[in-house]
Amino acid sequence: RNSEYIDKKSGVSARLTISAYENLISNAERRMLINGEKRTFVRIADFMGIIPAITGKIELVYEGELEGPAKVANILVGKAIKTLMIQYFPDPEKLKKTKGVNPYNEITNWFASGNSISLVDNISQKDYQSVLLSVPGLKSVVKQFHPALTENQQHLLMEFLLHGLAEFSQVSKSYLDNGFAFKDMFNSLFNAEFNEEDDDEGYDDKNRY
């Protein structure tokens, strides 16, 4: 309701949270059936499934209409993750202003070395864990600040931490058709600029004659 894109007079439908919860659980259950698993656990990637529940139950102001309901819904989810991030882990922005050890350095340095990962929403629990554990430092940061978690809770917070770091521009997050890709922020910006130049050159070639 506090978003600048939401019409505060019309507000948000009371059904939004119910529909979002149902979609979230359905997404997790769908993955369980696809992989033939007996149990499942909600992941951060499952929140892609709540986007339709949000878009149909919020009233947007003019700026929100320009952005589009789906984009606004993704922005709202991202801001929620950013707000929760500093409740579970140290604030990355405050760490920049101190001379202390940054617990995220090992993670961000790994991505800065050219590494990347993709987390799609339909991968098995085993593959999900394997992808998260492939990022050095991710598990140790979660254990440092939340030592009493179960294994599944630990993996959820590992995924959450990646999304949180992306919201604070420590790593780059891009949307896939069915999940997310994480890589270094600088390399992502460089590639985007390079692609834009390619597009411009292609446009010039087509319109040169």
N, C-alpha and C. Protein backbone atom coordinates (compact mmCIF):
# COMPACT_ATOMS: atom_id res chain seq x y z
N ARG A 1 0.82 -1.21 0.00
CA ARG A 1 0.00 0.00 0.00
C ARG A 1 0.86 1.27 0.00
N ASN A 2 2.10 1.15 0.44
CA ASN A 2 2.97 2.32 0.51
C ASN A 2 3.70 2.60 -0.80
N SER A 3 3.55 1.73 -1.77
CA SER A 3 4.24 1.91 -3.05
C SER A 3 3.70 3.12 -3.79
N GLU A 4 4.60 3.83 -4.46
CA GLU A 4 4.19 4.99 -5.24
C GLU A 4 3.37 4.60 -6.47
N TYR A 5 3.36 3.31 -6.80
CA TYR A 5 2.61 2.85 -7.96
C TYR A 5 1.16 2.47 -7.61
N ILE A 6 0.87 2.34 -6.32
CA ILE A 6 -0.45 1.87 -5.90
C ILE A 6 -1.38 3.04 -5.59
N ASP A 7 -2.60 2.94 -6.06
CA ASP A 7 -3.62 3.95 -5.76
C ASP A 7 -4.07 3.76 -4.32
N LYS A 8 -3.67 4.67 -3.45
CA LYS A 8 -3.96 4.54 -2.02
C LYS A 8 -5.45 4.69 -1.71
N LYS A 9 -6.20 5.34 -2.58
CA LYS A 9 -7.63 5.51 -2.35
C LYS A 9 -8.38 4.19 -2.57
N SER A 10 -8.01 3.50 -3.63
CA SER A 10 -8.66 2.22 -3.92
C SER A 10 -8.04 1.08 -3.13
N GLY A 11 -6.73 1.22 -2.86
CA GLY A 11 -6.06 0.24 -2.02
C GLY A 11 -5.80 -1.08 -2.70
N VAL A 12 -5.79 -2.12 -1.87
CA VAL A 12 -5.46 -3.47 -2.33
C VAL A 12 -6.58 -4.41 -1.91
N SER A 13 -6.95 -5.31 -2.78
CA SER A 13 -8.02 -6.26 -2.48
C SER A 13 -7.66 -7.14 -1.30
N ALA A 14 -8.64 -7.40 -0.45
CA ALA A 14 -8.41 -8.28 0.71
C ALA A 14 -8.12 -9.71 0.28
N ARG A 15 -8.47 -10.05 -0.94
CA ARG A 15 -8.24 -11.39 -1.45
C ARG A 15 -6.81 -11.60 -1.93
N LEU A 16 -6.04 -10.53 -1.99
CA LEU A 16 -4.70 -10.65 -2.57
C LEU A 16 -3.84 -11.65 -1.81
N THR A 17 -3.77 -11.52 -0.49
CA THR A 17 -2.90 -12.41 0.29
C THR A 17 -3.35 -13.86 0.19
N ILE A 18 -4.66 -14.08 0.15
CA ILE A 18 -5.18 -15.44 0.06
C ILE A 18 -4.82 -16.05 -1.29
N SER A 19 -5.06 -15.30 -2.36
CA SER A 19 -4.74 -15.79 -3.71
C SER A 19 -3.25 -16.00 -3.89
N ALA A 20 -2.45 -15.07 -3.35
CA ALA A 20 -1.00 -15.19 -3.46
C ALA A 20 -0.50 -16.44 -2.75
N TYR A 21 -1.04 -16.70 -1.57
CA TYR A 21 -0.64 -17.88 -0.80
C TYR A 21 -1.01 -19.16 -1.55
N GLU A 22 -2.21 -19.19 -2.11
CA GLU A 22 -2.65 -20.37 -2.86
C GLU A 22 -1.76 -20.62 -4.07
N ASN A 23 -1.41 -19.54 -4.78
CA ASN A 23 -0.53 -19.68 -5.94
C ASN A 23 0.86 -20.14 -5.55
N LEU A 24 1.34 -19.63 -4.42
CA LEU A 24 2.67 -19.99 -3.94
C LEU A 24 2.75 -21.49 -3.65
N ILE A 25 1.76 -22.00 -2.92
CA ILE A 25 1.73 -23.42 -2.58
C ILE A 25 1.54 -24.27 -3.84
N SER A 26 0.69 -23.81 -4.74
CA SER A 26 0.44 -24.56 -5.98
C SER A 26 1.71 -24.69 -6.81
N ASN A 27 2.51 -23.63 -6.84
CA ASN A 27 3.76 -23.67 -7.61
C ASN A 27 4.71 -24.72 -7.04
N ALA A 28 4.79 -24.78 -5.71
CA ALA A 28 5.65 -25.76 -5.06
C ALA A 28 5.13 -27.18 -5.28
N GLU A 29 3.82 -27.36 -5.20
CA GLU A 29 3.23 -28.69 -5.41
C GLU A 29 3.42 -29.15 -6.85
N ARG A 30 3.31 -28.23 -7.78
CA ARG A 30 3.51 -28.56 -9.20
C ARG A 30 4.92 -29.10 -9.41
N ARG A 31 5.91 -28.45 -8.81
CA ARG A 31 7.30 -28.89 -8.95
C ARG A 31 7.48 -30.28 -8.34
N MET A 32 6.84 -30.52 -7.21
CA MET A 32 6.93 -31.82 -6.55
C MET A 32 6.42 -32.93 -7.47
N LEU A 33 5.30 -32.67 -8.14
CA LEU A 33 4.72 -33.66 -9.04
C LEU A 33 5.60 -33.88 -10.27
N ILE A 34 6.15 -32.79 -10.81
CA ILE A 34 7.02 -32.90 -11.99
C ILE A 34 8.23 -33.77 -11.71
N ASN A 35 8.80 -33.62 -10.51
CA ASN A 35 10.02 -34.35 -10.16
C ASN A 35 9.76 -35.67 -9.44
N GLY A 36 8.48 -36.01 -9.24
CA GLY A 36 8.14 -37.26 -8.59
C GLY A 36 8.62 -37.33 -7.15
N GLU A 37 8.60 -36.20 -6.46
CA GLU A 37 9.05 -36.16 -5.07
C GLU A 37 7.87 -36.31 -4.12
N LYS A 38 8.13 -36.80 -2.92
CA LYS A 38 7.08 -37.03 -1.94
C LYS A 38 6.83 -35.80 -1.07
N ARG A 39 7.83 -34.94 -0.97
CA ARG A 39 7.70 -33.73 -0.16
C ARG A 39 8.25 -32.55 -0.94
N THR A 40 7.80 -31.37 -0.57
CA THR A 40 8.33 -30.18 -1.23
C THR A 40 8.42 -29.04 -0.22
N PHE A 41 9.15 -28.03 -0.60
CA PHE A 41 9.33 -26.86 0.25
C PHE A 41 9.27 -25.61 -0.63
N VAL A 42 8.68 -24.58 -0.11
CA VAL A 42 8.56 -23.33 -0.87
C VAL A 42 9.94 -22.71 -1.04
N ARG A 43 10.19 -22.19 -2.24
CA ARG A 43 11.43 -21.49 -2.56
C ARG A 43 11.12 -20.04 -2.92
N ILE A 44 12.15 -19.22 -2.95
CA ILE A 44 11.95 -17.83 -3.35
C ILE A 44 11.49 -17.77 -4.80
N ALA A 45 12.00 -18.67 -5.63
CA ALA A 45 11.59 -18.69 -7.04
C ALA A 45 10.09 -18.94 -7.20
N ASP A 46 9.48 -19.58 -6.21
CA ASP A 46 8.04 -19.84 -6.27
C ASP A 46 7.22 -18.56 -6.22
N PHE A 47 7.83 -17.48 -5.76
CA PHE A 47 7.10 -16.22 -5.68
C PHE A 47 6.78 -15.66 -7.06
N MET A 48 7.42 -16.21 -8.10
CA MET A 48 7.02 -15.83 -9.45
C MET A 48 5.56 -16.22 -9.70
N GLY A 49 5.12 -17.26 -8.99
CA GLY A 49 3.76 -17.73 -9.17
C GLY A 49 2.70 -16.83 -8.57
N ILE A 50 3.11 -15.90 -7.70
CA ILE A 50 2.11 -15.03 -7.08
C ILE A 50 1.86 -13.76 -7.91
N ILE A 51 2.65 -13.56 -8.96
CA ILE A 51 2.50 -12.35 -9.78
C ILE A 51 1.08 -12.19 -10.32
N PRO A 52 0.47 -13.26 -10.88
CA PRO A 52 -0.92 -13.11 -11.36
C PRO A 52 -1.90 -12.73 -10.26
N ALA A 53 -1.64 -13.20 -9.04
CA ALA A 53 -2.52 -12.87 -7.92
C ALA A 53 -2.42 -11.40 -7.55
N ILE A 54 -1.24 -10.82 -7.76
CA ILE A 54 -1.05 -9.40 -7.43
C ILE A 54 -1.64 -8.51 -8.52
N THR A 55 -1.36 -8.85 -9.77
CA THR A 55 -1.76 -7.96 -10.87
C THR A 55 -3.27 -7.77 -10.96
N GLY A 56 -4.03 -8.76 -10.56
CA GLY A 56 -5.48 -8.64 -10.67
C GLY A 56 -6.16 -8.03 -9.47
N LYS A 57 -5.37 -7.71 -8.44
CA LYS A 57 -6.00 -7.27 -7.20
C LYS A 57 -5.39 -5.99 -6.62
N ILE A 58 -4.74 -5.21 -7.46
CA ILE A 58 -4.23 -3.91 -7.02
C ILE A 58 -4.70 -2.84 -8.00
N GLU A 59 -4.94 -1.66 -7.47
CA GLU A 59 -5.31 -0.52 -8.30
C GLU A 59 -4.09 0.37 -8.45
N LEU A 60 -3.72 0.67 -9.69
CA LEU A 60 -2.51 1.43 -9.95
C LEU A 60 -2.81 2.89 -10.26
N VAL A 61 -1.87 3.75 -9.88
CA VAL A 61 -1.95 5.14 -10.29
C VAL A 61 -1.40 5.23 -11.71
N TYR A 62 -1.36 6.42 -12.27
CA TYR A 62 -0.95 6.60 -13.67
C TYR A 62 0.45 6.05 -13.92
N GLU A 63 1.39 6.34 -12.99
CA GLU A 63 2.76 5.88 -13.16
C GLU A 63 2.83 4.35 -13.16
N GLY A 64 1.98 3.74 -12.34
CA GLY A 64 1.94 2.29 -12.29
C GLY A 64 1.39 1.69 -13.57
N GLU A 65 0.40 2.35 -14.15
CA GLU A 65 -0.16 1.88 -15.42
C GLU A 65 0.87 1.96 -16.53
N LEU A 66 1.71 2.99 -16.48
CA LEU A 66 2.76 3.12 -17.49
C LEU A 66 3.77 1.98 -17.38
N GLU A 67 4.11 1.61 -16.15
CA GLU A 67 5.06 0.51 -15.93
C GLU A 67 4.44 -0.83 -16.32
N GLY A 68 3.16 -0.98 -16.06
CA GLY A 68 2.48 -2.24 -16.34
C GLY A 68 2.30 -3.04 -15.07
N PRO A 69 1.16 -3.73 -14.91
CA PRO A 69 0.87 -4.47 -13.68
C PRO A 69 1.90 -5.53 -13.33
N ALA A 70 2.38 -6.28 -14.32
CA ALA A 70 3.34 -7.35 -14.05
C ALA A 70 4.66 -6.79 -13.53
N LYS A 71 5.12 -5.71 -14.15
CA LYS A 71 6.38 -5.11 -13.70
C LYS A 71 6.24 -4.53 -12.30
N VAL A 72 5.11 -3.90 -12.02
CA VAL A 72 4.87 -3.36 -10.68
C VAL A 72 4.85 -4.48 -9.66
N ALA A 73 4.23 -5.60 -10.00
CA ALA A 73 4.17 -6.74 -9.09
C ALA A 73 5.58 -7.25 -8.77
N ASN A 74 6.43 -7.34 -9.78
CA ASN A 74 7.81 -7.77 -9.55
C ASN A 74 8.58 -6.76 -8.70
N ILE A 75 8.30 -5.48 -8.91
CA ILE A 75 8.95 -4.44 -8.11
C ILE A 75 8.54 -4.57 -6.64
N LEU A 76 7.26 -4.85 -6.40
CA LEU A 76 6.76 -5.00 -5.03
C LEU A 76 7.42 -6.19 -4.33
N VAL A 77 7.55 -7.30 -5.05
CA VAL A 77 8.21 -8.48 -4.47
C VAL A 77 9.66 -8.17 -4.16
N GLY A 78 10.33 -7.46 -5.08
CA GLY A 78 11.73 -7.10 -4.87
C GLY A 78 11.92 -6.20 -3.67
N LYS A 79 11.03 -5.23 -3.51
CA LYS A 79 11.12 -4.31 -2.37
C LYS A 79 10.85 -5.04 -1.05
N ALA A 80 9.96 -6.01 -1.09
CA ALA A 80 9.68 -6.80 0.11
C ALA A 80 10.92 -7.60 0.52
N ILE A 81 11.61 -8.17 -0.47
CA ILE A 81 12.84 -8.92 -0.19
C ILE A 81 13.90 -7.99 0.39
N LYS A 82 14.02 -6.80 -0.18
CA LYS A 82 15.02 -5.84 0.30
C LYS A 82 14.74 -5.42 1.74
N THR A 83 13.46 -5.23 2.06
CA THR A 83 13.08 -4.85 3.43
C THR A 83 13.41 -5.96 4.42
N LEU A 84 13.12 -7.20 4.03
CA LEU A 84 13.37 -8.34 4.92
C LEU A 84 14.85 -8.69 5.02
N MET A 85 15.60 -8.38 3.98
CA MET A 85 17.02 -8.71 3.94
C MET A 85 17.76 -8.19 5.17
N ILE A 86 17.53 -6.94 5.52
CA ILE A 86 18.28 -6.35 6.63
C ILE A 86 17.74 -6.79 7.99
N GLN A 87 16.65 -7.55 7.99
CA GLN A 87 16.17 -8.14 9.24
C GLN A 87 16.85 -9.47 9.52
N TYR A 88 17.38 -10.08 8.46
CA TYR A 88 18.01 -11.40 8.60
C TYR A 88 19.53 -11.35 8.47
N PHE A 89 20.03 -10.34 7.73
CA PHE A 89 21.46 -10.25 7.48
C PHE A 89 21.91 -8.80 7.59
N PRO A 90 23.23 -8.57 7.74
CA PRO A 90 23.74 -7.19 7.81
C PRO A 90 23.41 -6.39 6.56
N ASP A 91 23.16 -5.12 6.75
CA ASP A 91 22.82 -4.22 5.64
C ASP A 91 24.05 -4.01 4.75
N PRO A 92 24.00 -4.43 3.49
CA PRO A 92 25.16 -4.27 2.59
C PRO A 92 25.57 -2.81 2.42
N GLU A 93 24.62 -1.89 2.45
CA GLU A 93 24.95 -0.48 2.27
C GLU A 93 25.70 0.07 3.48
N LYS A 94 25.34 -0.36 4.67
CA LYS A 94 26.05 0.09 5.87
C LYS A 94 27.44 -0.51 5.95
N LEU A 95 27.59 -1.73 5.43
CA LEU A 95 28.90 -2.38 5.45
C LEU A 95 29.92 -1.62 4.61
N LYS A 96 29.44 -0.95 3.56
CA LYS A 96 30.33 -0.17 2.70
C LYS A 96 30.96 1.00 3.46
N LYS A 97 30.26 1.47 4.49
CA LYS A 97 30.72 2.65 5.22
C LYS A 97 31.60 2.30 6.42
N THR A 98 31.78 1.00 6.67
CA THR A 98 32.60 0.58 7.80
C THR A 98 33.89 -0.07 7.29
N LYS A 99 34.85 -0.20 8.18
CA LYS A 99 36.13 -0.81 7.82
C LYS A 99 36.19 -2.27 8.26
N GLY A 100 35.07 -2.78 8.76
CA GLY A 100 35.04 -4.17 9.21
C GLY A 100 35.01 -5.15 8.05
N VAL A 101 35.07 -6.43 8.40
CA VAL A 101 35.05 -7.49 7.39
C VAL A 101 33.65 -7.60 6.79
N ASN A 102 33.59 -7.62 5.48
CA ASN A 102 32.31 -7.77 4.79
C ASN A 102 32.03 -9.26 4.60
N PRO A 103 30.98 -9.79 5.23
CA PRO A 103 30.72 -11.24 5.14
C PRO A 103 30.31 -11.69 3.74
N TYR A 104 29.98 -10.74 2.87
CA TYR A 104 29.52 -11.10 1.53
C TYR A 104 30.65 -11.14 0.49
N ASN A 105 31.86 -10.80 0.90
CA ASN A 105 32.96 -10.68 -0.06
C ASN A 105 33.22 -11.96 -0.85
N GLU A 106 33.22 -13.09 -0.17
CA GLU A 106 33.52 -14.35 -0.85
C GLU A 106 32.47 -14.64 -1.92
N ILE A 107 31.22 -14.30 -1.62
CA ILE A 107 30.13 -14.53 -2.58
C ILE A 107 30.28 -13.61 -3.79
N THR A 108 30.41 -12.32 -3.53
CA THR A 108 30.48 -11.35 -4.64
C THR A 108 31.76 -11.52 -5.46
N ASN A 109 32.85 -11.90 -4.80
CA ASN A 109 34.11 -12.12 -5.53
C ASN A 109 33.99 -13.32 -6.47
N TRP A 110 33.24 -14.32 -6.05
CA TRP A 110 33.05 -15.50 -6.90
C TRP A 110 32.29 -15.13 -8.18
N PHE A 111 31.26 -14.33 -8.03
CA PHE A 111 30.52 -13.87 -9.21
C PHE A 111 31.38 -12.93 -10.05
N ALA A 112 32.19 -12.10 -9.39
CA ALA A 112 33.06 -11.17 -10.11
C ALA A 112 34.11 -11.89 -10.94
N SER A 113 34.40 -13.14 -10.58
CA SER A 113 35.38 -13.93 -11.33
C SER A 113 34.80 -14.53 -12.60
N GLY A 114 33.55 -14.19 -12.88
CA GLY A 114 32.92 -14.66 -14.12
C GLY A 114 31.98 -15.83 -13.94
N ASN A 115 31.75 -16.23 -12.70
CA ASN A 115 30.84 -17.35 -12.44
C ASN A 115 29.39 -16.87 -12.40
N SER A 116 28.49 -17.79 -12.66
CA SER A 116 27.06 -17.47 -12.63
C SER A 116 26.27 -18.73 -12.32
N ILE A 117 25.04 -18.56 -11.88
CA ILE A 117 24.16 -19.70 -11.63
C ILE A 117 22.76 -19.38 -12.13
N SER A 118 22.00 -20.42 -12.39
CA SER A 118 20.60 -20.27 -12.76
C SER A 118 19.76 -21.11 -11.81
N LEU A 119 18.71 -20.52 -11.29
CA LEU A 119 17.78 -21.23 -10.41
C LEU A 119 16.40 -21.22 -11.06
N VAL A 120 16.06 -22.32 -11.70
CA VAL A 120 14.74 -22.42 -12.32
C VAL A 120 13.79 -23.09 -11.34
N ASP A 121 12.51 -22.79 -11.47
CA ASP A 121 11.57 -23.19 -10.42
C ASP A 121 11.16 -24.66 -10.46
N ASN A 122 11.52 -25.39 -11.52
CA ASN A 122 11.08 -26.78 -11.59
C ASN A 122 12.20 -27.80 -11.38
N ILE A 123 13.38 -27.35 -10.94
CA ILE A 123 14.46 -28.31 -10.70
C ILE A 123 14.18 -29.09 -9.41
N SER A 124 14.72 -30.29 -9.33
CA SER A 124 14.51 -31.14 -8.17
C SER A 124 15.17 -30.55 -6.93
N GLN A 125 14.77 -31.05 -5.77
CA GLN A 125 15.35 -30.57 -4.52
C GLN A 125 16.85 -30.82 -4.49
N LYS A 126 17.27 -31.96 -5.01
CA LYS A 126 18.69 -32.30 -5.03
C LYS A 126 19.48 -31.32 -5.89
N ASP A 127 18.97 -31.01 -7.08
CA ASP A 127 19.65 -30.06 -7.97
C ASP A 127 19.62 -28.65 -7.40
N TYR A 128 18.52 -28.30 -6.76
CA TYR A 128 18.37 -26.99 -6.12
C TYR A 128 19.46 -26.79 -5.07
N GLN A 129 19.64 -27.79 -4.23
CA GLN A 129 20.67 -27.72 -3.20
C GLN A 129 22.06 -27.66 -3.82
N SER A 130 22.27 -28.43 -4.87
CA SER A 130 23.58 -28.47 -5.52
C SER A 130 23.96 -27.12 -6.10
N VAL A 131 23.00 -26.44 -6.73
CA VAL A 131 23.27 -25.12 -7.31
C VAL A 131 23.63 -24.12 -6.22
N LEU A 132 22.88 -24.12 -5.14
CA LEU A 132 23.14 -23.17 -4.05
C LEU A 132 24.50 -23.43 -3.40
N LEU A 133 24.83 -24.70 -3.20
CA LEU A 133 26.10 -25.05 -2.56
C LEU A 133 27.30 -24.78 -3.46
N SER A 134 27.05 -24.54 -4.74
CA SER A 134 28.15 -24.26 -5.67
C SER A 134 28.70 -22.84 -5.50
N VAL A 135 27.96 -22.00 -4.77
CA VAL A 135 28.39 -20.62 -4.56
C VAL A 135 29.21 -20.55 -3.27
N PRO A 136 30.51 -20.34 -3.35
CA PRO A 136 31.35 -20.29 -2.14
C PRO A 136 30.93 -19.17 -1.20
N GLY A 137 30.88 -19.48 0.08
CA GLY A 137 30.57 -18.47 1.08
C GLY A 137 29.09 -18.31 1.38
N LEU A 138 28.23 -18.80 0.50
CA LEU A 138 26.79 -18.59 0.68
C LEU A 138 26.28 -19.33 1.92
N LYS A 139 26.66 -20.59 2.04
CA LYS A 139 26.22 -21.39 3.18
C LYS A 139 26.82 -20.88 4.48
N SER A 140 28.09 -20.49 4.45
CA SER A 140 28.76 -20.06 5.67
C SER A 140 28.17 -18.76 6.22
N VAL A 141 27.73 -17.86 5.33
CA VAL A 141 27.10 -16.61 5.79
C VAL A 141 25.78 -16.92 6.48
N VAL A 142 24.99 -17.81 5.89
CA VAL A 142 23.71 -18.19 6.50
C VAL A 142 23.94 -18.84 7.86
N LYS A 143 24.92 -19.74 7.94
CA LYS A 143 25.21 -20.42 9.21
C LYS A 143 25.75 -19.45 10.25
N GLN A 144 26.48 -18.44 9.80
CA GLN A 144 27.05 -17.46 10.73
C GLN A 144 25.96 -16.68 11.46
N PHE A 145 24.92 -16.29 10.73
CA PHE A 145 23.88 -15.45 11.32
C PHE A 145 22.64 -16.23 11.74
N HIS A 146 22.52 -17.47 11.27
CA HIS A 146 21.37 -18.30 11.64
C HIS A 146 21.83 -19.75 11.82
N PRO A 147 22.52 -20.02 12.92
CA PRO A 147 23.15 -21.34 13.11
C PRO A 147 22.18 -22.47 13.46
N ALA A 148 20.96 -22.16 13.86
CA ALA A 148 20.06 -23.21 14.37
C ALA A 148 18.99 -23.63 13.36
N LEU A 149 19.23 -23.44 12.09
CA LEU A 149 18.23 -23.77 11.07
C LEU A 149 18.29 -25.24 10.67
N THR A 150 17.15 -25.74 10.20
CA THR A 150 17.14 -27.07 9.58
C THR A 150 17.80 -26.95 8.21
N GLU A 151 18.08 -28.07 7.59
CA GLU A 151 18.74 -28.06 6.29
C GLU A 151 17.91 -27.33 5.24
N ASN A 152 16.60 -27.60 5.22
CA ASN A 152 15.73 -26.95 4.22
C ASN A 152 15.58 -25.46 4.48
N GLN A 153 15.52 -25.07 5.74
CA GLN A 153 15.46 -23.64 6.07
C GLN A 153 16.75 -22.95 5.66
N GLN A 154 17.85 -23.66 5.83
CA GLN A 154 19.15 -23.12 5.45
C GLN A 154 19.22 -22.85 3.95
N HIS A 155 18.74 -23.80 3.16
CA HIS A 155 18.77 -23.62 1.70
C HIS A 155 17.84 -22.49 1.26
N LEU A 156 16.70 -22.36 1.93
CA LEU A 156 15.79 -21.27 1.60
C LEU A 156 16.45 -19.92 1.85
N LEU A 157 17.14 -19.80 2.99
CA LEU A 157 17.81 -18.53 3.30
C LEU A 157 19.00 -18.28 2.38
N MET A 158 19.63 -19.34 1.90
CA MET A 158 20.72 -19.17 0.94
C MET A 158 20.18 -18.56 -0.35
N GLU A 159 19.04 -19.07 -0.80
CA GLU A 159 18.42 -18.51 -2.00
C GLU A 159 17.95 -17.08 -1.73
N PHE A 160 17.36 -16.87 -0.56
CA PHE A 160 16.89 -15.54 -0.18
C PHE A 160 18.04 -14.54 -0.16
N LEU A 161 19.20 -14.96 0.35
CA LEU A 161 20.36 -14.08 0.42
C LEU A 161 20.81 -13.64 -0.97
N LEU A 162 20.76 -14.53 -1.93
CA LEU A 162 21.12 -14.16 -3.31
C LEU A 162 20.18 -13.07 -3.84
N HIS A 163 18.89 -13.26 -3.60
CA HIS A 163 17.92 -12.25 -4.05
C HIS A 163 18.12 -10.94 -3.30
N GLY A 164 18.43 -11.04 -2.01
CA GLY A 164 18.66 -9.83 -1.22
C GLY A 164 19.87 -9.06 -1.70
N LEU A 165 20.96 -9.77 -1.98
CA LEU A 165 22.16 -9.10 -2.50
C LEU A 165 21.89 -8.45 -3.85
N ALA A 166 21.04 -9.08 -4.64
CA ALA A 166 20.68 -8.49 -5.94
C ALA A 166 19.89 -7.20 -5.75
N GLU A 167 19.00 -7.18 -4.76
CA GLU A 167 18.21 -5.97 -4.51
C GLU A 167 19.09 -4.82 -4.03
N PHE A 168 20.22 -5.15 -3.41
CA PHE A 168 21.16 -4.13 -2.96
C PHE A 168 22.28 -3.91 -3.98
N SER A 169 22.08 -4.43 -5.19
CA SER A 169 23.02 -4.24 -6.31
C SER A 169 24.42 -4.78 -6.01
N GLN A 170 24.49 -5.86 -5.24
CA GLN A 170 25.77 -6.52 -4.98
C GLN A 170 26.06 -7.58 -6.03
N VAL A 171 25.02 -8.17 -6.56
CA VAL A 171 25.12 -9.11 -7.68
C VAL A 171 23.99 -8.77 -8.65
N SER A 172 24.09 -9.30 -9.85
CA SER A 172 23.06 -9.05 -10.86
C SER A 172 22.06 -10.20 -10.89
N LYS A 173 20.79 -9.86 -10.98
CA LYS A 173 19.73 -10.87 -11.12
C LYS A 173 18.95 -10.58 -12.39
N SER A 174 18.79 -11.59 -13.21
CA SER A 174 17.98 -11.44 -14.42
C SER A 174 16.88 -12.49 -14.42
N TYR A 175 15.78 -12.15 -15.07
CA TYR A 175 14.63 -13.03 -15.10
C TYR A 175 14.72 -14.00 -16.27
N LEU A 176 14.49 -15.27 -15.98
CA LEU A 176 14.37 -16.29 -17.00
C LEU A 176 12.89 -16.60 -17.19
N ASP A 177 12.58 -17.42 -18.18
CA ASP A 177 11.18 -17.79 -18.40
C ASP A 177 10.59 -18.51 -17.19
N ASN A 178 11.44 -19.27 -16.49
CA ASN A 178 10.93 -20.05 -15.36
C ASN A 178 11.87 -20.00 -14.16
N GLY A 179 12.49 -18.84 -13.95
CA GLY A 179 13.39 -18.73 -12.81
C GLY A 179 14.25 -17.49 -12.88
N PHE A 180 15.45 -17.59 -12.29
CA PHE A 180 16.35 -16.44 -12.20
C PHE A 180 17.78 -16.86 -12.50
N ALA A 181 18.56 -15.92 -13.00
CA ALA A 181 19.99 -16.12 -13.21
C ALA A 181 20.74 -15.07 -12.41
N PHE A 182 21.82 -15.47 -11.76
CA PHE A 182 22.62 -14.55 -10.96
C PHE A 182 24.05 -14.53 -11.50
N LYS A 183 24.60 -13.32 -11.60
CA LYS A 183 25.98 -13.17 -12.05
C LYS A 183 26.52 -11.85 -11.52
N ASP A 184 27.73 -11.51 -11.93
CA ASP A 184 28.37 -10.29 -11.44
C ASP A 184 27.68 -9.04 -11.99
N MET A 185 27.52 -8.04 -11.15
CA MET A 185 26.84 -6.82 -11.55
C MET A 185 27.59 -6.07 -12.65
N PHE A 186 28.91 -5.95 -12.51
CA PHE A 186 29.69 -5.19 -13.49
C PHE A 186 29.66 -5.85 -14.86
N ASN A 187 29.88 -7.17 -14.89
CA ASN A 187 29.85 -7.89 -16.16
C ASN A 187 28.49 -7.80 -16.83
N SER A 188 27.45 -7.80 -16.00
CA SER A 188 26.09 -7.71 -16.53
C SER A 188 25.87 -6.36 -17.20
N LEU A 189 26.34 -5.29 -16.56
CA LEU A 189 26.19 -3.95 -17.13
C LEU A 189 27.01 -3.80 -18.40
N PHE A 190 28.22 -4.37 -18.39
CA PHE A 190 29.09 -4.28 -19.56
C PHE A 190 28.47 -4.99 -20.75
N ASN A 191 27.93 -6.19 -20.51
CA ASN A 191 27.31 -6.95 -21.59
C ASN A 191 26.07 -6.25 -22.12
N ALA A 192 25.32 -5.59 -21.22
CA ALA A 192 24.13 -4.87 -21.65
C ALA A 192 24.50 -3.72 -22.56
N GLU A 193 25.57 -2.98 -22.18
CA GLU A 193 26.02 -1.87 -23.00
C GLU A 193 26.53 -2.36 -24.35
N PHE A 194 27.23 -3.50 -24.33
CA PHE A 194 27.77 -4.06 -25.57
C PHE A 194 26.63 -4.47 -26.50
N ASN A 195 25.60 -5.08 -25.94
CA ASN A 195 24.47 -5.52 -26.75
C ASN A 195 23.72 -4.33 -27.33
N GLU A 196 23.63 -3.25 -26.55
CA GLU A 196 22.96 -2.06 -27.05
C GLU A 196 23.71 -1.48 -28.24
N GLU A 197 25.05 -1.52 -28.17
CA GLU A 197 25.85 -1.03 -29.29
C GLU A 197 25.64 -1.90 -30.52
N ASP A 198 25.56 -3.22 -30.29
CA ASP A 198 25.31 -4.13 -31.40
C ASP A 198 23.97 -3.84 -32.04
N ASP A 199 22.96 -3.58 -31.20
CA ASP A 199 21.63 -3.30 -31.73
C ASP A 199 21.64 -2.02 -32.56
N ASP A 200 22.38 -1.01 -32.05
CA ASP A 200 22.45 0.25 -32.79
C ASP A 200 23.12 0.07 -34.13
N GLU A 201 24.22 -0.73 -34.13
CA GLU A 201 24.93 -0.96 -35.38
C GLU A 201 24.05 -1.71 -36.36
N GLY A 202 23.30 -2.69 -35.82
CA GLY A 202 22.40 -3.45 -36.68
C GLY A 202 21.34 -2.57 -37.28
N TYR A 203 20.85 -1.64 -36.47
CA TYR A 203 19.81 -0.73 -36.94
C TYR A 203 20.36 0.17 -38.04
N ASP A 204 21.60 0.66 -37.85
CA ASP A 204 22.20 1.54 -38.85
C ASP A 204 22.40 0.80 -40.17
N ASP A 205 22.83 -0.47 -40.06
CA ASP A 205 23.07 -1.24 -41.28
C ASP A 205 21.79 -1.43 -42.07
N LYS A 206 20.69 -1.67 -41.34
CA LYS A 206 19.43 -1.92 -42.02
C LYS A 206 18.88 -0.66 -42.67
N ASN A 207 19.21 0.49 -42.07
CA ASN A 207 18.62 1.73 -42.56
C ASN A 207 19.60 2.58 -43.35
N ARG A 208 20.74 1.98 -43.65
CA ARG A 208 21.75 2.74 -44.37
C ARG A 208 21.39 2.88 -45.84
N TYR A 209 20.61 1.94 -46.36
CA TYR A 209 20.32 1.96 -47.80
C TYR A 209 18.87 2.34 -48.06
